[in-house]
Amino acid sequence: MDVTASRAYAAFIAATVVWALLLLLAPFLTSRSHASMLGTGLIVAAYAIGSVVCHQLPERSFHLWTAQLPVCARCTGIYFGAAVMAVAARELRRGSPMRRRREGGVLRRLARRRLSFDTAARRVLALALAPTAVTLAFEWATGHTPANWIRFAAGIPIGAAVAWLVRSAAENQVN
């Protein structure tokens, strides 16, 4: 990985972890009687960004410290999945050269089957989207919304897959 890609990936890791932590910090600060100026700014920023990327329906969101999270349960799963995978992928990358050689991975196995990166990435994303598709099909077929923890769990693979694909692109596996 070249220096520019390494720095970009480090920024990606930082952004995913900070955003995941902010999702928990915002309701905590909101539940306090007096937030500092910085705390108020963080609250406003988290819920404003959340309103751009998510529907923020209260019945589909987790509530902590008597306050709703800035995004719904599924989006929370996506962002936590991305943060965990970004950090885990970085740690795997730091492993010994022998371990990295043994690592293999889905993209490399698919590449051995002579699939392009695009095709392999599409397959990985399709697999990651499957749990969410199942929850949506269930909801549309029955009219019942799955529990928030199920929606959260269904979102995790999406975030993890995207973070993994970002890592792969940063390692220049795209070429």
N, C-alpha and C. Protein backbone atom coordinates (compact mmCIF):
# COMPACT_ATOMS: atom_id res chain seq x y z
N MET A 1 0.86 -1.16 0.00
CA MET A 1 0.00 0.00 0.00
C MET A 1 0.90 1.22 0.00
N ASP A 2 0.70 2.14 -0.94
CA ASP A 2 1.54 3.32 -0.98
C ASP A 2 1.15 4.30 0.13
N VAL A 3 1.95 5.34 0.31
CA VAL A 3 1.77 6.27 1.42
C VAL A 3 0.42 6.99 1.34
N THR A 4 0.05 7.44 0.15
CA THR A 4 -1.21 8.16 0.00
C THR A 4 -2.40 7.26 0.33
N ALA A 5 -2.39 6.05 -0.18
CA ALA A 5 -3.47 5.10 0.11
C ALA A 5 -3.49 4.75 1.59
N SER A 6 -2.32 4.60 2.18
CA SER A 6 -2.23 4.29 3.60
C SER A 6 -2.83 5.41 4.44
N ARG A 7 -2.51 6.63 4.09
CA ARG A 7 -3.08 7.78 4.82
C ARG A 7 -4.58 7.89 4.61
N ALA A 8 -5.03 7.65 3.40
CA ALA A 8 -6.46 7.70 3.11
C ALA A 8 -7.19 6.61 3.90
N TYR A 9 -6.60 5.43 3.96
CA TYR A 9 -7.23 4.35 4.71
C TYR A 9 -7.23 4.64 6.21
N ALA A 10 -6.15 5.23 6.70
CA ALA A 10 -6.10 5.62 8.12
C ALA A 10 -7.19 6.65 8.42
N ALA A 11 -7.41 7.58 7.50
CA ALA A 11 -8.48 8.57 7.66
C ALA A 11 -9.84 7.90 7.65
N PHE A 12 -10.00 6.89 6.78
CA PHE A 12 -11.25 6.14 6.72
C PHE A 12 -11.51 5.43 8.05
N ILE A 13 -10.48 4.79 8.59
CA ILE A 13 -10.63 4.11 9.88
C ILE A 13 -11.04 5.12 10.96
N ALA A 14 -10.34 6.23 11.01
CA ALA A 14 -10.65 7.25 12.02
C ALA A 14 -12.08 7.75 11.87
N ALA A 15 -12.50 8.01 10.65
CA ALA A 15 -13.86 8.51 10.42
C ALA A 15 -14.91 7.50 10.84
N THR A 16 -14.71 6.22 10.52
CA THR A 16 -15.71 5.22 10.88
C THR A 16 -15.80 5.04 12.40
N VAL A 17 -14.65 5.05 13.06
CA VAL A 17 -14.65 4.87 14.52
C VAL A 17 -15.24 6.10 15.22
N VAL A 18 -14.85 7.28 14.78
CA VAL A 18 -15.39 8.51 15.39
C VAL A 18 -16.89 8.58 15.20
N TRP A 19 -17.37 8.27 14.00
CA TRP A 19 -18.82 8.32 13.75
C TRP A 19 -19.55 7.30 14.62
N ALA A 20 -19.03 6.08 14.73
CA ALA A 20 -19.67 5.07 15.58
C ALA A 20 -19.72 5.53 17.04
N LEU A 21 -18.63 6.13 17.51
CA LEU A 21 -18.62 6.63 18.89
C LEU A 21 -19.56 7.81 19.07
N LEU A 22 -19.65 8.66 18.05
CA LEU A 22 -20.54 9.81 18.11
C LEU A 22 -22.01 9.37 18.17
N LEU A 23 -22.32 8.24 17.53
CA LEU A 23 -23.68 7.72 17.59
C LEU A 23 -24.09 7.38 19.03
N LEU A 24 -23.12 7.00 19.84
CA LEU A 24 -23.39 6.70 21.25
C LEU A 24 -23.25 7.94 22.13
N LEU A 25 -22.34 8.81 21.78
CA LEU A 25 -22.10 10.01 22.57
C LEU A 25 -23.26 11.00 22.48
N ALA A 26 -23.85 11.15 21.30
CA ALA A 26 -24.92 12.13 21.11
C ALA A 26 -26.11 11.89 22.04
N PRO A 27 -26.66 10.67 22.13
CA PRO A 27 -27.78 10.50 23.06
C PRO A 27 -27.36 10.66 24.52
N PHE A 28 -26.11 10.30 24.83
CA PHE A 28 -25.63 10.50 26.20
C PHE A 28 -25.62 11.99 26.53
N LEU A 29 -25.06 12.80 25.64
CA LEU A 29 -25.02 14.25 25.87
C LEU A 29 -26.41 14.86 25.87
N THR A 30 -27.30 14.33 25.03
CA THR A 30 -28.66 14.83 24.96
C THR A 30 -29.41 14.60 26.27
N SER A 31 -29.11 13.51 26.93
CA SER A 31 -29.82 13.16 28.16
C SER A 31 -29.36 13.99 29.36
N ARG A 32 -28.27 14.71 29.24
CA ARG A 32 -27.76 15.52 30.34
C ARG A 32 -28.50 16.85 30.40
N SER A 33 -28.64 17.38 31.61
CA SER A 33 -29.41 18.62 31.75
C SER A 33 -28.71 19.82 31.12
N HIS A 34 -27.40 19.88 31.21
CA HIS A 34 -26.68 21.02 30.62
C HIS A 34 -25.48 20.51 29.84
N ALA A 35 -25.55 20.68 28.54
CA ALA A 35 -24.42 20.30 27.70
C ALA A 35 -23.54 21.52 27.48
N SER A 36 -22.25 21.29 27.39
CA SER A 36 -21.33 22.39 27.10
C SER A 36 -21.54 22.85 25.66
N MET A 37 -20.86 23.91 25.30
CA MET A 37 -20.96 24.41 23.93
C MET A 37 -20.47 23.35 22.94
N LEU A 38 -19.36 22.68 23.28
CA LEU A 38 -18.84 21.61 22.44
C LEU A 38 -19.83 20.46 22.37
N GLY A 39 -20.39 20.09 23.51
CA GLY A 39 -21.37 19.01 23.57
C GLY A 39 -22.59 19.33 22.72
N THR A 40 -23.07 20.55 22.81
CA THR A 40 -24.22 20.97 22.01
C THR A 40 -23.89 20.89 20.52
N GLY A 41 -22.69 21.31 20.17
CA GLY A 41 -22.26 21.23 18.76
C GLY A 41 -22.21 19.80 18.27
N LEU A 42 -21.71 18.88 19.10
CA LEU A 42 -21.65 17.46 18.74
C LEU A 42 -23.05 16.88 18.57
N ILE A 43 -23.95 17.25 19.46
CA ILE A 43 -25.33 16.78 19.38
C ILE A 43 -25.97 17.24 18.07
N VAL A 44 -25.86 18.53 17.80
CA VAL A 44 -26.47 19.09 16.59
C VAL A 44 -25.86 18.45 15.34
N ALA A 45 -24.54 18.31 15.32
CA ALA A 45 -23.86 17.71 14.16
C ALA A 45 -24.30 16.26 13.95
N ALA A 46 -24.35 15.47 15.03
CA ALA A 46 -24.71 14.06 14.90
C ALA A 46 -26.13 13.89 14.38
N TYR A 47 -27.07 14.63 14.94
CA TYR A 47 -28.46 14.47 14.50
C TYR A 47 -28.68 15.10 13.11
N ALA A 48 -27.94 16.13 12.78
CA ALA A 48 -28.06 16.73 11.44
C ALA A 48 -27.53 15.78 10.37
N ILE A 49 -26.34 15.21 10.62
CA ILE A 49 -25.78 14.24 9.68
C ILE A 49 -26.69 13.02 9.60
N GLY A 50 -27.17 12.57 10.76
CA GLY A 50 -28.08 11.43 10.79
C GLY A 50 -29.34 11.67 9.97
N SER A 51 -29.85 12.90 9.98
CA SER A 51 -31.07 13.19 9.23
C SER A 51 -30.84 13.15 7.72
N VAL A 52 -29.59 13.35 7.29
CA VAL A 52 -29.27 13.30 5.87
C VAL A 52 -29.17 11.85 5.39
N VAL A 53 -28.66 10.96 6.23
CA VAL A 53 -28.39 9.58 5.80
C VAL A 53 -29.44 8.57 6.27
N CYS A 54 -30.40 9.00 7.09
CA CYS A 54 -31.33 8.04 7.69
C CYS A 54 -32.70 8.69 7.91
N HIS A 55 -33.74 7.83 7.95
CA HIS A 55 -35.10 8.33 8.18
C HIS A 55 -35.33 8.73 9.62
N GLN A 56 -34.58 8.20 10.55
CA GLN A 56 -34.64 8.51 11.98
C GLN A 56 -36.01 8.28 12.61
N LEU A 57 -36.73 7.27 12.16
CA LEU A 57 -38.03 6.98 12.78
C LEU A 57 -37.82 6.47 14.20
N PRO A 58 -38.48 7.07 15.18
CA PRO A 58 -38.27 6.68 16.58
C PRO A 58 -38.53 5.20 16.86
N GLU A 59 -39.57 4.63 16.24
CA GLU A 59 -39.90 3.23 16.50
C GLU A 59 -38.90 2.26 15.86
N ARG A 60 -38.06 2.75 14.97
CA ARG A 60 -37.05 1.90 14.32
C ARG A 60 -35.65 2.24 14.81
N SER A 61 -35.56 2.98 15.88
CA SER A 61 -34.26 3.42 16.40
C SER A 61 -34.07 2.93 17.83
N PHE A 62 -32.82 2.74 18.19
CA PHE A 62 -32.49 2.45 19.58
C PHE A 62 -32.57 3.74 20.38
N HIS A 63 -32.86 3.59 21.67
CA HIS A 63 -32.88 4.72 22.58
C HIS A 63 -31.93 4.39 23.73
N LEU A 64 -30.99 5.28 23.99
CA LEU A 64 -30.06 5.13 25.10
C LEU A 64 -30.13 6.39 25.95
N TRP A 65 -30.05 6.21 27.25
CA TRP A 65 -30.10 7.35 28.18
C TRP A 65 -31.31 8.23 27.89
N THR A 66 -32.43 7.63 27.62
CA THR A 66 -33.71 8.28 27.33
C THR A 66 -33.71 9.10 26.03
N ALA A 67 -32.71 8.95 25.20
CA ALA A 67 -32.65 9.71 23.95
C ALA A 67 -32.48 8.75 22.77
N GLN A 68 -33.07 9.13 21.65
CA GLN A 68 -32.97 8.34 20.42
C GLN A 68 -31.59 8.52 19.80
N LEU A 69 -31.04 7.43 19.26
CA LEU A 69 -29.77 7.53 18.53
C LEU A 69 -29.98 8.35 17.25
N PRO A 70 -28.93 8.95 16.72
CA PRO A 70 -29.06 9.79 15.53
C PRO A 70 -29.48 9.05 14.26
N VAL A 71 -29.36 7.73 14.24
CA VAL A 71 -29.77 6.93 13.08
C VAL A 71 -30.56 5.72 13.56
N CYS A 72 -31.27 5.07 12.63
CA CYS A 72 -32.09 3.91 12.98
C CYS A 72 -31.20 2.71 13.34
N ALA A 73 -31.85 1.64 13.76
CA ALA A 73 -31.12 0.44 14.19
C ALA A 73 -30.31 -0.16 13.04
N ARG A 74 -30.89 -0.23 11.83
CA ARG A 74 -30.16 -0.81 10.71
C ARG A 74 -28.93 0.03 10.38
N CYS A 75 -29.09 1.34 10.32
CA CYS A 75 -27.94 2.21 10.03
C CYS A 75 -26.89 2.11 11.13
N THR A 76 -27.34 1.97 12.38
CA THR A 76 -26.39 1.78 13.48
C THR A 76 -25.57 0.52 13.23
N GLY A 77 -26.22 -0.56 12.82
CA GLY A 77 -25.51 -1.80 12.49
C GLY A 77 -24.52 -1.61 11.36
N ILE A 78 -24.93 -0.87 10.33
CA ILE A 78 -24.04 -0.61 9.20
C ILE A 78 -22.80 0.13 9.66
N TYR A 79 -22.98 1.20 10.44
CA TYR A 79 -21.83 2.01 10.86
C TYR A 79 -20.93 1.27 11.85
N PHE A 80 -21.52 0.49 12.75
CA PHE A 80 -20.69 -0.29 13.68
C PHE A 80 -19.97 -1.42 12.95
N GLY A 81 -20.64 -2.04 11.98
CA GLY A 81 -19.99 -3.08 11.17
C GLY A 81 -18.80 -2.52 10.40
N ALA A 82 -18.97 -1.31 9.87
CA ALA A 82 -17.88 -0.68 9.12
C ALA A 82 -16.71 -0.34 10.05
N ALA A 83 -17.01 0.18 11.23
CA ALA A 83 -15.94 0.55 12.16
C ALA A 83 -15.16 -0.68 12.63
N VAL A 84 -15.88 -1.73 12.99
CA VAL A 84 -15.22 -2.95 13.46
C VAL A 84 -14.37 -3.56 12.35
N MET A 85 -14.92 -3.65 11.14
CA MET A 85 -14.17 -4.24 10.03
C MET A 85 -12.97 -3.38 9.64
N ALA A 86 -13.12 -2.08 9.66
CA ALA A 86 -12.00 -1.21 9.30
C ALA A 86 -10.83 -1.41 10.26
N VAL A 87 -11.14 -1.47 11.55
CA VAL A 87 -10.08 -1.70 12.55
C VAL A 87 -9.52 -3.11 12.42
N ALA A 88 -10.40 -4.10 12.28
CA ALA A 88 -9.95 -5.50 12.17
C ALA A 88 -9.10 -5.70 10.93
N ALA A 89 -9.49 -5.11 9.81
CA ALA A 89 -8.72 -5.26 8.57
C ALA A 89 -7.35 -4.63 8.74
N ARG A 90 -7.27 -3.53 9.45
CA ARG A 90 -5.98 -2.87 9.70
C ARG A 90 -5.09 -3.79 10.53
N GLU A 91 -5.68 -4.41 11.55
CA GLU A 91 -4.91 -5.31 12.42
C GLU A 91 -4.47 -6.56 11.66
N LEU A 92 -5.33 -7.09 10.80
CA LEU A 92 -4.94 -8.25 9.99
C LEU A 92 -3.79 -7.89 9.07
N ARG A 93 -3.83 -6.68 8.56
CA ARG A 93 -2.78 -6.21 7.64
C ARG A 93 -1.44 -6.12 8.37
N ARG A 94 -1.50 -5.82 9.67
CA ARG A 94 -0.27 -5.70 10.45
C ARG A 94 0.32 -7.04 10.83
N GLY A 95 -0.37 -8.12 10.54
CA GLY A 95 0.11 -9.46 10.87
C GLY A 95 1.42 -9.77 10.17
N SER A 96 2.00 -10.88 10.50
CA SER A 96 3.27 -11.28 9.92
C SER A 96 3.13 -11.51 8.42
N PRO A 97 4.22 -11.38 7.66
CA PRO A 97 4.14 -11.63 6.22
C PRO A 97 3.63 -13.04 5.90
N MET A 98 4.01 -14.02 6.72
CA MET A 98 3.55 -15.39 6.50
C MET A 98 2.03 -15.47 6.68
N ARG A 99 1.54 -14.81 7.72
CA ARG A 99 0.10 -14.79 7.98
C ARG A 99 -0.64 -14.11 6.84
N ARG A 100 -0.11 -13.01 6.34
CA ARG A 100 -0.75 -12.30 5.23
C ARG A 100 -0.81 -13.17 3.99
N ARG A 101 0.24 -13.97 3.76
CA ARG A 101 0.24 -14.86 2.60
C ARG A 101 -0.82 -15.94 2.73
N ARG A 102 -1.02 -16.44 3.97
CA ARG A 102 -2.00 -17.49 4.21
C ARG A 102 -3.43 -16.95 4.20
N GLU A 103 -3.56 -15.65 4.42
CA GLU A 103 -4.86 -15.02 4.59
C GLU A 103 -5.85 -15.38 3.49
N GLY A 104 -5.44 -15.31 2.24
CA GLY A 104 -6.34 -15.65 1.14
C GLY A 104 -7.44 -14.62 1.00
N GLY A 105 -8.60 -14.93 1.50
CA GLY A 105 -9.72 -14.01 1.46
C GLY A 105 -10.61 -14.26 0.27
N VAL A 106 -11.79 -13.76 0.38
CA VAL A 106 -12.81 -13.99 -0.63
C VAL A 106 -12.41 -13.41 -1.98
N LEU A 107 -11.91 -12.16 -1.97
CA LEU A 107 -11.56 -11.55 -3.25
C LEU A 107 -10.45 -12.31 -3.96
N ARG A 108 -9.46 -12.77 -3.21
CA ARG A 108 -8.36 -13.51 -3.84
C ARG A 108 -8.85 -14.84 -4.39
N ARG A 109 -9.72 -15.53 -3.62
CA ARG A 109 -10.27 -16.80 -4.12
C ARG A 109 -11.11 -16.57 -5.36
N LEU A 110 -11.89 -15.51 -5.35
CA LEU A 110 -12.69 -15.21 -6.53
C LEU A 110 -11.79 -14.81 -7.69
N ALA A 111 -10.70 -14.11 -7.39
CA ALA A 111 -9.77 -13.72 -8.45
C ALA A 111 -9.14 -14.96 -9.09
N ARG A 112 -8.88 -15.99 -8.28
CA ARG A 112 -8.32 -17.22 -8.83
C ARG A 112 -9.29 -17.87 -9.80
N ARG A 113 -10.56 -17.61 -9.61
CA ARG A 113 -11.57 -18.13 -10.54
C ARG A 113 -11.72 -17.20 -11.75
N ARG A 114 -10.79 -16.28 -11.86
CA ARG A 114 -10.73 -15.35 -12.97
C ARG A 114 -11.91 -14.37 -13.02
N LEU A 115 -12.38 -13.99 -11.83
CA LEU A 115 -13.42 -12.97 -11.76
C LEU A 115 -12.74 -11.62 -11.60
N SER A 116 -13.30 -10.61 -12.21
CA SER A 116 -12.74 -9.27 -12.06
C SER A 116 -13.03 -8.77 -10.64
N PHE A 117 -12.32 -7.73 -10.23
CA PHE A 117 -12.57 -7.13 -8.92
C PHE A 117 -14.02 -6.67 -8.84
N ASP A 118 -14.51 -6.05 -9.93
CA ASP A 118 -15.89 -5.56 -9.93
C ASP A 118 -16.88 -6.68 -9.68
N THR A 119 -16.70 -7.80 -10.36
CA THR A 119 -17.60 -8.94 -10.19
C THR A 119 -17.50 -9.49 -8.78
N ALA A 120 -16.28 -9.62 -8.28
CA ALA A 120 -16.09 -10.12 -6.91
C ALA A 120 -16.71 -9.17 -5.90
N ALA A 121 -16.52 -7.87 -6.09
CA ALA A 121 -17.08 -6.88 -5.17
C ALA A 121 -18.61 -6.94 -5.19
N ARG A 122 -19.18 -7.09 -6.36
CA ARG A 122 -20.64 -7.19 -6.46
C ARG A 122 -21.16 -8.42 -5.72
N ARG A 123 -20.44 -9.52 -5.82
CA ARG A 123 -20.86 -10.74 -5.12
C ARG A 123 -20.76 -10.57 -3.60
N VAL A 124 -19.69 -9.95 -3.16
CA VAL A 124 -19.52 -9.71 -1.72
C VAL A 124 -20.65 -8.80 -1.22
N LEU A 125 -20.93 -7.74 -1.96
CA LEU A 125 -22.00 -6.82 -1.55
C LEU A 125 -23.38 -7.50 -1.59
N ALA A 126 -23.60 -8.34 -2.58
CA ALA A 126 -24.88 -9.05 -2.67
C ALA A 126 -25.06 -9.96 -1.45
N LEU A 127 -24.00 -10.66 -1.06
CA LEU A 127 -24.07 -11.50 0.14
C LEU A 127 -24.31 -10.67 1.38
N ALA A 128 -23.67 -9.51 1.46
CA ALA A 128 -23.82 -8.63 2.62
C ALA A 128 -25.23 -8.04 2.70
N LEU A 129 -25.85 -7.81 1.55
CA LEU A 129 -27.19 -7.23 1.52
C LEU A 129 -28.28 -8.27 1.79
N ALA A 130 -27.97 -9.54 1.67
CA ALA A 130 -28.97 -10.60 1.82
C ALA A 130 -29.74 -10.54 3.14
N PRO A 131 -29.08 -10.40 4.31
CA PRO A 131 -29.86 -10.34 5.55
C PRO A 131 -30.85 -9.16 5.59
N THR A 132 -30.44 -8.02 5.09
CA THR A 132 -31.35 -6.88 5.06
C THR A 132 -32.49 -7.14 4.09
N ALA A 133 -32.20 -7.76 2.95
CA ALA A 133 -33.26 -8.10 2.00
C ALA A 133 -34.28 -9.04 2.63
N VAL A 134 -33.80 -9.97 3.44
CA VAL A 134 -34.71 -10.90 4.12
C VAL A 134 -35.60 -10.14 5.10
N THR A 135 -35.03 -9.21 5.87
CA THR A 135 -35.86 -8.45 6.81
C THR A 135 -36.88 -7.58 6.08
N LEU A 136 -36.49 -6.99 4.95
CA LEU A 136 -37.43 -6.19 4.17
C LEU A 136 -38.55 -7.07 3.58
N ALA A 137 -38.19 -8.22 3.06
CA ALA A 137 -39.20 -9.14 2.50
C ALA A 137 -40.17 -9.57 3.60
N PHE A 138 -39.64 -9.87 4.77
CA PHE A 138 -40.50 -10.24 5.90
C PHE A 138 -41.45 -9.11 6.25
N GLU A 139 -40.93 -7.90 6.32
CA GLU A 139 -41.76 -6.75 6.68
C GLU A 139 -42.84 -6.49 5.63
N TRP A 140 -42.47 -6.56 4.37
CA TRP A 140 -43.45 -6.31 3.30
C TRP A 140 -44.48 -7.42 3.22
N ALA A 141 -44.08 -8.66 3.49
CA ALA A 141 -45.00 -9.79 3.39
C ALA A 141 -45.96 -9.86 4.57
N THR A 142 -45.47 -9.50 5.76
CA THR A 142 -46.30 -9.67 6.96
C THR A 142 -46.87 -8.37 7.49
N GLY A 143 -46.26 -7.26 7.13
CA GLY A 143 -46.70 -5.97 7.68
C GLY A 143 -46.15 -5.70 9.07
N HIS A 144 -45.28 -6.58 9.56
CA HIS A 144 -44.67 -6.41 10.88
C HIS A 144 -43.21 -6.02 10.72
N THR A 145 -42.80 -5.04 11.49
CA THR A 145 -41.41 -4.61 11.46
C THR A 145 -40.58 -5.52 12.36
N PRO A 146 -39.49 -6.06 11.86
CA PRO A 146 -38.63 -6.88 12.73
C PRO A 146 -38.10 -6.05 13.90
N ALA A 147 -37.75 -6.73 14.96
CA ALA A 147 -37.21 -6.04 16.13
C ALA A 147 -35.95 -5.26 15.75
N ASN A 148 -35.69 -4.21 16.50
CA ASN A 148 -34.53 -3.36 16.19
C ASN A 148 -33.21 -4.14 16.25
N TRP A 149 -33.09 -5.09 17.16
CA TRP A 149 -31.82 -5.84 17.23
C TRP A 149 -31.63 -6.69 15.97
N ILE A 150 -32.74 -7.15 15.36
CA ILE A 150 -32.63 -7.92 14.12
C ILE A 150 -32.20 -7.00 12.98
N ARG A 151 -32.80 -5.82 12.92
CA ARG A 151 -32.43 -4.85 11.88
C ARG A 151 -30.97 -4.42 12.06
N PHE A 152 -30.55 -4.24 13.32
CA PHE A 152 -29.15 -3.91 13.61
C PHE A 152 -28.22 -5.01 13.10
N ALA A 153 -28.55 -6.25 13.44
CA ALA A 153 -27.71 -7.38 13.03
C ALA A 153 -27.67 -7.53 11.51
N ALA A 154 -28.78 -7.24 10.84
CA ALA A 154 -28.83 -7.34 9.38
C ALA A 154 -27.99 -6.25 8.72
N GLY A 155 -27.79 -5.13 9.39
CA GLY A 155 -26.99 -4.05 8.82
C GLY A 155 -25.49 -4.26 8.96
N ILE A 156 -25.06 -5.01 9.95
CA ILE A 156 -23.63 -5.21 10.20
C ILE A 156 -22.87 -5.71 8.97
N PRO A 157 -23.37 -6.74 8.26
CA PRO A 157 -22.60 -7.22 7.09
C PRO A 157 -22.42 -6.17 5.99
N ILE A 158 -23.38 -5.27 5.85
CA ILE A 158 -23.26 -4.23 4.83
C ILE A 158 -22.07 -3.33 5.15
N GLY A 159 -22.02 -2.84 6.38
CA GLY A 159 -20.90 -1.98 6.78
C GLY A 159 -19.58 -2.70 6.71
N ALA A 160 -19.57 -3.95 7.15
CA ALA A 160 -18.33 -4.73 7.12
C ALA A 160 -17.85 -4.94 5.69
N ALA A 161 -18.76 -5.25 4.79
CA ALA A 161 -18.38 -5.48 3.39
C ALA A 161 -17.84 -4.21 2.75
N VAL A 162 -18.49 -3.09 3.01
CA VAL A 162 -18.02 -1.83 2.43
C VAL A 162 -16.64 -1.48 2.97
N ALA A 163 -16.44 -1.63 4.28
CA ALA A 163 -15.13 -1.32 4.85
C ALA A 163 -14.06 -2.25 4.27
N TRP A 164 -14.39 -3.50 4.10
CA TRP A 164 -13.44 -4.46 3.54
C TRP A 164 -13.10 -4.10 2.09
N LEU A 165 -14.10 -3.69 1.33
CA LEU A 165 -13.85 -3.29 -0.06
C LEU A 165 -13.01 -2.02 -0.12
N VAL A 166 -13.23 -1.10 0.81
CA VAL A 166 -12.39 0.10 0.87
C VAL A 166 -10.95 -0.30 1.16
N ARG A 167 -10.75 -1.22 2.10
CA ARG A 167 -9.39 -1.71 2.39
C ARG A 167 -8.77 -2.33 1.14
N SER A 168 -9.53 -3.15 0.44
CA SER A 168 -9.02 -3.81 -0.77
C SER A 168 -8.62 -2.78 -1.82
N ALA A 169 -9.43 -1.76 -1.97
CA ALA A 169 -9.11 -0.71 -2.93
C ALA A 169 -7.87 0.05 -2.49
N ALA A 170 -7.74 0.29 -1.20
CA ALA A 170 -6.57 1.00 -0.69
C ALA A 170 -5.29 0.20 -0.91
N GLU A 171 -5.40 -1.11 -0.89
CA GLU A 171 -4.24 -1.95 -1.14
C GLU A 171 -3.95 -2.11 -2.63
N ASN A 172 -4.72 -1.41 -3.44
CA ASN A 172 -4.54 -1.41 -4.88
C ASN A 172 -4.87 -2.76 -5.49
N GLN A 173 -5.80 -3.47 -4.90
CA GLN A 173 -6.24 -4.73 -5.47
C GLN A 173 -7.19 -4.49 -6.62
N VAL A 174 -7.63 -3.25 -6.77
CA VAL A 174 -8.57 -2.93 -7.83
C VAL A 174 -7.95 -3.10 -9.20
N ASN A 175 -6.64 -2.82 -9.29
CA ASN A 175 -5.98 -2.88 -10.60
C ASN A 175 -5.68 -4.29 -11.00
